[in-house]
């Protein structure tokens, strides 16, 4: 006849053995997952349910003037809010919609650059991109305008957050590199120096002044 081993008798012996091996026990289970910030998070978790509310936000795109130069123009977009500024800034990289193009809105961005994430350090917004492939490659007005759209949208149009200046960085292969943004006004920034919307007054119309930052 097989003997039945009582679990109540053997369990204390097992615990004593494991404890002697340096393995500790807790009285209650503990969650090993922490809530991640919305910075530098790739592939954010999404749900299959459509959000119940859309949020109307404003961004800067570019518009040709009668004289042939380009200015920043405020446009409204409806987005699915996720509690971060990432989805708003992504609208700039996406460029104008078909309806906006019919209204003369343009963008200097080409396909190739994606927003990795953002962080806020006091009043400086750090914008992380994966590449500058979508930006114009020289120090032309188009390249200045591309940065103006990101910087001025961040400092002048984002609601509920106080941003005075923006620093653009590249984040790739766990390496971070600061981008020296080309400016149209003021002294060119030194290495690692953020820029303000006042560095792009050339592309602002009188009705958009004074600036918040």
C-alpha atoms as a PDB file:
ATOM      1  CA  UNK A   1       0.000   0.000   0.000  1.00  0.00           C
ATOM      2  CA  UNK A   2       1.286   3.492  -0.975  1.00  0.00           C
ATOM      3  CA  UNK A   3       1.757   5.942   1.811  1.00  0.00           C
ATOM      4  CA  UNK A   4       0.211   9.404   1.482  1.00  0.00           C
ATOM      5  CA  UNK A   5       2.607  12.219   2.337  1.00  0.00           C
ATOM      6  CA  UNK A   6       0.965  15.082   4.169  1.00  0.00           C
ATOM      7  CA  UNK A   7       1.582  18.472   2.464  1.00  0.00           C
ATOM      8  CA  UNK A   8       1.181  20.242   5.767  1.00  0.00           C
ATOM      9  CA  UNK A   9       4.145  18.326   7.140  1.00  0.00           C
ATOM     10  CA  UNK A  10       6.474  18.718   4.146  1.00  0.00           C
ATOM     11  CA  UNK A  11       5.777  22.399   3.290  1.00  0.00           C
ATOM     12  CA  UNK A  12       7.699  23.836   6.275  1.00  0.00           C
ATOM     13  CA  UNK A  13      10.691  21.667   5.308  1.00  0.00           C
ATOM     14  CA  UNK A  14      10.604  22.953   1.705  1.00  0.00           C
ATOM     15  CA  UNK A  15      10.391  26.564   2.868  1.00  0.00           C
ATOM     16  CA  UNK A  16      13.275  26.026   5.277  1.00  0.00           C
ATOM     17  CA  UNK A  17      15.402  24.489   2.497  1.00  0.00           C
ATOM     18  CA  UNK A  18      14.699  27.319   0.006  1.00  0.00           C
ATOM     19  CA  UNK A  19      15.336  29.965   2.631  1.00  0.00           C
ATOM     20  CA  UNK A  20      18.736  28.435   3.315  1.00  0.00           C
ATOM     21  CA  UNK A  21      19.506  28.889  -0.422  1.00  0.00           C
ATOM     22  CA  UNK A  22      18.906  32.631  -0.244  1.00  0.00           C
ATOM     23  CA  UNK A  23      15.367  32.611  -1.731  1.00  0.00           C
ATOM     24  CA  UNK A  24      12.982  34.851   0.206  1.00  0.00           C
ATOM     25  CA  UNK A  25       9.219  34.715   0.402  1.00  0.00           C
ATOM     26  CA  UNK A  26       6.582  37.433   0.638  1.00  0.00           C
ATOM     27  CA  UNK A  27       3.227  37.138   2.333  1.00  0.00           C
ATOM     28  CA  UNK A  28       1.331  38.619  -0.624  1.00  0.00           C
ATOM     29  CA  UNK A  29       1.987  38.678  -4.410  1.00  0.00           C
ATOM     30  CA  UNK A  30       3.688  41.767  -5.773  1.00  0.00           C
ATOM     31  CA  UNK A  31       3.294  43.340  -9.222  1.00  0.00           C
ATOM     32  CA  UNK A  32       6.547  43.329 -11.150  1.00  0.00           C
ATOM     33  CA  UNK A  33       5.365  45.814 -13.785  1.00  0.00           C
ATOM     34  CA  UNK A  34       5.718  49.553 -13.335  1.00  0.00           C
ATOM     35  CA  UNK A  35       3.819  52.266 -15.141  1.00  0.00           C
ATOM     36  CA  UNK A  36       6.070  53.681 -17.848  1.00  0.00           C
ATOM     37  CA  UNK A  37       6.214  57.420 -18.575  1.00  0.00           C
ATOM     38  CA  UNK A  38       5.066  58.545 -22.030  1.00  0.00           C
ATOM     39  CA  UNK A  39       8.648  59.379 -22.985  1.00  0.00           C
ATOM     40  CA  UNK A  40      10.711  57.313 -25.358  1.00  0.00           C
ATOM     41  CA  UNK A  41       8.105  54.568 -25.359  1.00  0.00           C
ATOM     42  CA  UNK A  42       7.947  52.852 -28.723  1.00  0.00           C
ATOM     43  CA  UNK A  43       4.828  51.048 -29.793  1.00  0.00           C
ATOM     44  CA  UNK A  44       2.472  52.291 -27.120  1.00  0.00           C
ATOM     45  CA  UNK A  45      -0.249  49.887 -26.056  1.00  0.00           C
ATOM     46  CA  UNK A  46      -3.567  50.509 -27.765  1.00  0.00           C
ATOM     47  CA  UNK A  47      -7.040  49.095 -27.321  1.00  0.00           C
ATOM     48  CA  UNK A  48      -9.458  47.763 -29.879  1.00  0.00           C
ATOM     49  CA  UNK A  49     -12.230  50.012 -28.617  1.00  0.00           C
ATOM     50  CA  UNK A  50     -12.636  53.362 -30.330  1.00  0.00           C
ATOM     51  CA  UNK A  51     -12.165  56.329 -27.988  1.00  0.00           C
ATOM     52  CA  UNK A  52     -15.375  58.008 -26.968  1.00  0.00           C
ATOM     53  CA  UNK A  53     -14.030  61.555 -27.320  1.00  0.00           C
ATOM     54  CA  UNK A  54     -11.861  63.254 -29.931  1.00  0.00           C
ATOM     55  CA  UNK A  55      -9.811  66.295 -29.020  1.00  0.00           C
ATOM     56  CA  UNK A  56      -9.362  69.356 -31.230  1.00  0.00           C
ATOM     57  CA  UNK A  57      -5.780  70.638 -31.229  1.00  0.00           C
ATOM     58  CA  UNK A  58      -3.849  73.247 -33.172  1.00  0.00           C
ATOM     59  CA  UNK A  59      -0.585  72.873 -35.042  1.00  0.00           C
ATOM     60  CA  UNK A  60       1.479  75.031 -37.354  1.00  0.00           C
ATOM     61  CA  UNK A  61       1.789  74.145 -41.022  1.00  0.00           C
ATOM     62  CA  UNK A  62       3.143  76.337 -43.809  1.00  0.00           C
ATOM     63  CA  UNK A  63       1.319  78.379 -46.398  1.00  0.00           C
ATOM     64  CA  UNK A  64       2.597  80.152 -49.501  1.00  0.00           C
ATOM     65  CA  UNK A  65       2.102  83.901 -49.529  1.00  0.00           C
ATOM     66  CA  UNK A  66       1.290  85.968 -52.606  1.00  0.00           C
ATOM     67  CA  UNK A  67       4.934  87.079 -52.693  1.00  0.00           C
ATOM     68  CA  UNK A  68       6.181  83.497 -52.933  1.00  0.00           C
ATOM     69  CA  UNK A  69       7.499  83.189 -49.366  1.00  0.00           C
ATOM     70  CA  UNK A  70       6.084  80.813 -46.769  1.00  0.00           C
ATOM     71  CA  UNK A  71       4.586  81.596 -43.382  1.00  0.00           C
ATOM     72  CA  UNK A  72       3.357  79.536 -40.481  1.00  0.00           C
ATOM     73  CA  UNK A  73      -0.393  78.990 -40.538  1.00  0.00           C
ATOM     74  CA  UNK A  74      -2.460  77.635 -37.650  1.00  0.00           C
ATOM     75  CA  UNK A  75      -4.666  74.650 -38.492  1.00  0.00           C
ATOM     76  CA  UNK A  76      -6.928  72.502 -36.365  1.00  0.00           C
ATOM     77  CA  UNK A  77      -6.778  68.738 -36.171  1.00  0.00           C
ATOM     78  CA  UNK A  78      -8.934  66.200 -34.350  1.00  0.00           C
ATOM     79  CA  UNK A  79      -6.887  63.528 -32.622  1.00  0.00           C
ATOM     80  CA  UNK A  80      -7.370  60.609 -30.285  1.00  0.00           C
ATOM     81  CA  UNK A  81      -5.765  61.979 -27.095  1.00  0.00           C
ATOM     82  CA  UNK A  82      -3.352  59.760 -25.189  1.00  0.00           C
ATOM     83  CA  UNK A  83      -2.325  62.202 -22.467  1.00  0.00           C
ATOM     84  CA  UNK A  84       0.932  63.216 -24.158  1.00  0.00           C
ATOM     85  CA  UNK A  85       2.058  65.794 -26.678  1.00  0.00           C
ATOM     86  CA  UNK A  86       3.439  63.092 -28.967  1.00  0.00           C
ATOM     87  CA  UNK A  87       0.256  62.599 -30.978  1.00  0.00           C
ATOM     88  CA  UNK A  88       0.015  66.354 -31.572  1.00  0.00           C
ATOM     89  CA  UNK A  89       3.569  66.762 -32.833  1.00  0.00           C
ATOM     90  CA  UNK A  90       3.164  63.697 -35.036  1.00  0.00           C
ATOM     91  CA  UNK A  91       0.493  65.627 -36.923  1.00  0.00           C
ATOM     92  CA  UNK A  92       3.189  68.066 -38.076  1.00  0.00           C
ATOM     93  CA  UNK A  93       5.386  65.307 -39.465  1.00  0.00           C
ATOM     94  CA  UNK A  94       2.359  63.832 -41.253  1.00  0.00           C
ATOM     95  CA  UNK A  95       1.974  67.016 -43.287  1.00  0.00           C
ATOM     96  CA  UNK A  96      -1.224  68.621 -44.632  1.00  0.00           C
ATOM     97  CA  UNK A  97      -4.316  66.610 -45.456  1.00  0.00           C
ATOM     98  CA  UNK A  98      -5.861  66.664 -48.930  1.00  0.00           C
ATOM     99  CA  UNK A  99      -8.342  69.362 -47.851  1.00  0.00           C
ATOM    100  CA  UNK A 100      -5.547  71.453 -46.344  1.00  0.00           C
ATOM    101  CA  UNK A 101      -3.498  71.151 -49.525  1.00  0.00           C
ATOM    102  CA  UNK A 102      -6.437  72.568 -51.478  1.00  0.00           C
ATOM    103  CA  UNK A 103      -6.297  75.572 -49.132  1.00  0.00           C
ATOM    104  CA  UNK A 104      -2.648  76.131 -50.052  1.00  0.00           C
ATOM    105  CA  UNK A 105      -1.071  74.534 -46.994  1.00  0.00           C
ATOM    106  CA  UNK A 106       2.266  72.820 -47.540  1.00  0.00           C
ATOM    107  CA  UNK A 107       4.970  71.084 -45.517  1.00  0.00           C
ATOM    108  CA  UNK A 108       8.737  70.904 -45.976  1.00  0.00           C
ATOM    109  CA  UNK A 109       8.782  67.427 -44.438  1.00  0.00           C
ATOM    110  CA  UNK A 110       9.219  64.345 -46.562  1.00  0.00           C
ATOM    111  CA  UNK A 111       8.655  60.773 -45.422  1.00  0.00           C
ATOM    112  CA  UNK A 112      11.414  59.327 -43.296  1.00  0.00           C
ATOM    113  CA  UNK A 113      11.368  60.990 -39.879  1.00  0.00           C
ATOM    114  CA  UNK A 114       9.326  59.659 -36.978  1.00  0.00           C
ATOM    115  CA  UNK A 115       8.777  60.948 -33.471  1.00  0.00           C
ATOM    116  CA  UNK A 116      10.255  58.606 -30.861  1.00  0.00           C
ATOM    117  CA  UNK A 117       9.069  60.511 -27.803  1.00  0.00           C
ATOM    118  CA  UNK A 118       9.237  63.684 -25.752  1.00  0.00           C
ATOM    119  CA  UNK A 119      10.367  64.720 -22.301  1.00  0.00           C
ATOM    120  CA  UNK A 120       9.861  67.980 -20.417  1.00  0.00           C
ATOM    121  CA  UNK A 121      12.729  69.340 -18.336  1.00  0.00           C
ATOM    122  CA  UNK A 122      11.413  72.384 -16.497  1.00  0.00           C
ATOM    123  CA  UNK A 123      10.305  74.637 -19.404  1.00  0.00           C
ATOM    124  CA  UNK A 124      12.378  72.897 -22.111  1.00  0.00           C
ATOM    125  CA  UNK A 125      10.712  70.296 -24.304  1.00  0.00           C
ATOM    126  CA  UNK A 126      13.057  67.609 -25.585  1.00  0.00           C
ATOM    127  CA  UNK A 127      11.807  66.179 -28.885  1.00  0.00           C
ATOM    128  CA  UNK A 128      13.357  62.849 -29.869  1.00  0.00           C
ATOM    129  CA  UNK A 129      13.354  61.837 -33.542  1.00  0.00           C
ATOM    130  CA  UNK A 130      14.627  58.613 -35.070  1.00  0.00           C
ATOM    131  CA  UNK A 131      16.245  60.333 -38.050  1.00  0.00           C
ATOM    132  CA  UNK A 132      16.425  63.618 -39.951  1.00  0.00           C
ATOM    133  CA  UNK A 133      15.781  61.887 -43.279  1.00  0.00           C
ATOM    134  CA  UNK A 134      12.432  63.660 -43.561  1.00  0.00           C
ATOM    135  CA  UNK A 135      13.969  67.117 -43.145  1.00  0.00           C
ATOM    136  CA  UNK A 136      15.461  69.277 -45.894  1.00  0.00           C
ATOM    137  CA  UNK A 137      19.191  68.628 -45.882  1.00  0.00           C
ATOM    138  CA  UNK A 138      20.585  72.139 -46.118  1.00  0.00           C
ATOM    139  CA  UNK A 139      20.329  75.407 -44.228  1.00  0.00           C
ATOM    140  CA  UNK A 140      17.640  76.689 -46.555  1.00  0.00           C
ATOM    141  CA  UNK A 141      14.405  78.420 -45.638  1.00  0.00           C
ATOM    142  CA  UNK A 142      12.603  75.071 -45.955  1.00  0.00           C
ATOM    143  CA  UNK A 143      14.826  73.500 -43.311  1.00  0.00           C
ATOM    144  CA  UNK A 144      14.385  76.470 -40.988  1.00  0.00           C
ATOM    145  CA  UNK A 145      10.639  76.293 -41.545  1.00  0.00           C
ATOM    146  CA  UNK A 146      10.535  72.601 -40.663  1.00  0.00           C
ATOM    147  CA  UNK A 147      12.053  73.301 -37.257  1.00  0.00           C
ATOM    148  CA  UNK A 148       9.872  76.395 -36.843  1.00  0.00           C
ATOM    149  CA  UNK A 149       6.750  74.244 -37.181  1.00  0.00           C
ATOM    150  CA  UNK A 150       7.885  71.897 -34.405  1.00  0.00           C
ATOM    151  CA  UNK A 151       9.234  74.607 -32.110  1.00  0.00           C
ATOM    152  CA  UNK A 152       6.422  77.155 -32.427  1.00  0.00           C
ATOM    153  CA  UNK A 153       3.683  74.521 -32.180  1.00  0.00           C
ATOM    154  CA  UNK A 154       5.278  73.316 -28.941  1.00  0.00           C
ATOM    155  CA  UNK A 155       5.727  76.731 -27.334  1.00  0.00           C
ATOM    156  CA  UNK A 156       2.703  78.613 -28.658  1.00  0.00           C
ATOM    157  CA  UNK A 157      -0.111  76.148 -29.331  1.00  0.00           C
ATOM    158  CA  UNK A 158       0.079  73.278 -26.840  1.00  0.00           C
ATOM    159  CA  UNK A 159      -2.547  73.634 -24.126  1.00  0.00           C
ATOM    160  CA  UNK A 160      -2.059  72.894 -20.448  1.00  0.00           C
ATOM    161  CA  UNK A 161       1.738  72.826 -20.560  1.00  0.00           C
ATOM    162  CA  UNK A 162       4.263  75.635 -20.223  1.00  0.00           C
ATOM    163  CA  UNK A 163       7.051  75.298 -22.777  1.00  0.00           C
ATOM    164  CA  UNK A 164       9.505  78.113 -23.485  1.00  0.00           C
ATOM    165  CA  UNK A 165      12.074  76.370 -25.667  1.00  0.00           C
ATOM    166  CA  UNK A 166      12.664  73.167 -27.603  1.00  0.00           C
ATOM    167  CA  UNK A 167      15.682  70.933 -28.050  1.00  0.00           C
ATOM    168  CA  UNK A 168      15.607  68.396 -30.891  1.00  0.00           C
ATOM    169  CA  UNK A 169      17.578  65.169 -30.487  1.00  0.00           C
ATOM    170  CA  UNK A 170      18.117  61.986 -32.463  1.00  0.00           C
ATOM    171  CA  UNK A 171      17.492  58.745 -30.605  1.00  0.00           C
ATOM    172  CA  UNK A 172      18.701  55.615 -32.384  1.00  0.00           C
ATOM    173  CA  UNK A 173      20.358  52.377 -31.246  1.00  0.00           C
ATOM    174  CA  UNK A 174      20.243  53.617 -27.633  1.00  0.00           C
ATOM    175  CA  UNK A 175      22.385  56.591 -28.659  1.00  0.00           C
ATOM    176  CA  UNK A 176      21.232  60.208 -28.270  1.00  0.00           C
ATOM    177  CA  UNK A 177      22.609  63.044 -30.388  1.00  0.00           C
ATOM    178  CA  UNK A 178      21.690  66.706 -30.080  1.00  0.00           C
ATOM    179  CA  UNK A 179      20.590  68.461 -33.267  1.00  0.00           C
ATOM    180  CA  UNK A 180      21.673  72.050 -33.841  1.00  0.00           C
ATOM    181  CA  UNK A 181      18.481  73.504 -35.247  1.00  0.00           C
ATOM    182  CA  UNK A 182      18.884  76.027 -38.079  1.00  0.00           C
ATOM    183  CA  UNK A 183      17.270  79.371 -37.223  1.00  0.00           C
ATOM    184  CA  UNK A 184      16.105  82.343 -39.238  1.00  0.00           C
ATOM    185  CA  UNK A 185      16.442  84.956 -36.494  1.00  0.00           C
ATOM    186  CA  UNK A 186      18.952  85.543 -33.725  1.00  0.00           C
ATOM    187  CA  UNK A 187      22.309  83.914 -33.173  1.00  0.00           C
ATOM    188  CA  UNK A 188      22.730  80.310 -34.324  1.00  0.00           C
ATOM    189  CA  UNK A 189      22.526  77.984 -31.330  1.00  0.00           C
ATOM    190  CA  UNK A 190      25.667  76.403 -29.978  1.00  0.00           C
ATOM    191  CA  UNK A 191      25.963  72.648 -29.493  1.00  0.00           C
ATOM    192  CA  UNK A 192      23.224  71.379 -27.219  1.00  0.00           C
ATOM    193  CA  UNK A 193      21.381  74.715 -27.011  1.00  0.00           C
ATOM    194  CA  UNK A 194      17.572  74.762 -27.356  1.00  0.00           C
ATOM    195  CA  UNK A 195      15.733  77.234 -29.569  1.00  0.00           C
ATOM    196  CA  UNK A 196      12.630  79.370 -29.123  1.00  0.00           C
ATOM    197  CA  UNK A 197       9.824  80.460 -31.392  1.00  0.00           C
ATOM    198  CA  UNK A 198      11.420  83.917 -31.385  1.00  0.00           C
ATOM    199  CA  UNK A 199      14.217  82.330 -33.436  1.00  0.00           C
ATOM    200  CA  UNK A 200      11.709  81.988 -36.289  1.00  0.00           C
ATOM    201  CA  UNK A 201      10.022  85.397 -36.406  1.00  0.00           C
ATOM    202  CA  UNK A 202      10.641  85.482 -40.165  1.00  0.00           C
ATOM    203  CA  UNK A 203       7.906  82.874 -40.625  1.00  0.00           C
ATOM    204  CA  UNK A 204       5.334  84.440 -38.305  1.00  0.00           C
ATOM    205  CA  UNK A 205       2.670  86.904 -39.325  1.00  0.00           C
ATOM    206  CA  UNK A 206       1.823  89.995 -37.308  1.00  0.00           C
ATOM    207  CA  UNK A 207      -1.475  88.458 -36.180  1.00  0.00           C
ATOM    208  CA  UNK A 208       0.465  85.659 -34.424  1.00  0.00           C
ATOM    209  CA  UNK A 209       2.409  88.061 -32.240  1.00  0.00           C
ATOM    210  CA  UNK A 210       3.210  88.568 -29.411  1.00  0.00           C
ATOM    211  CA  UNK A 211       4.603  85.169 -28.550  1.00  0.00           C
ATOM    212  CA  UNK A 212       3.920  83.349 -25.295  1.00  0.00           C
ATOM    213  CA  UNK A 213       7.531  82.267 -24.984  1.00  0.00           C
END
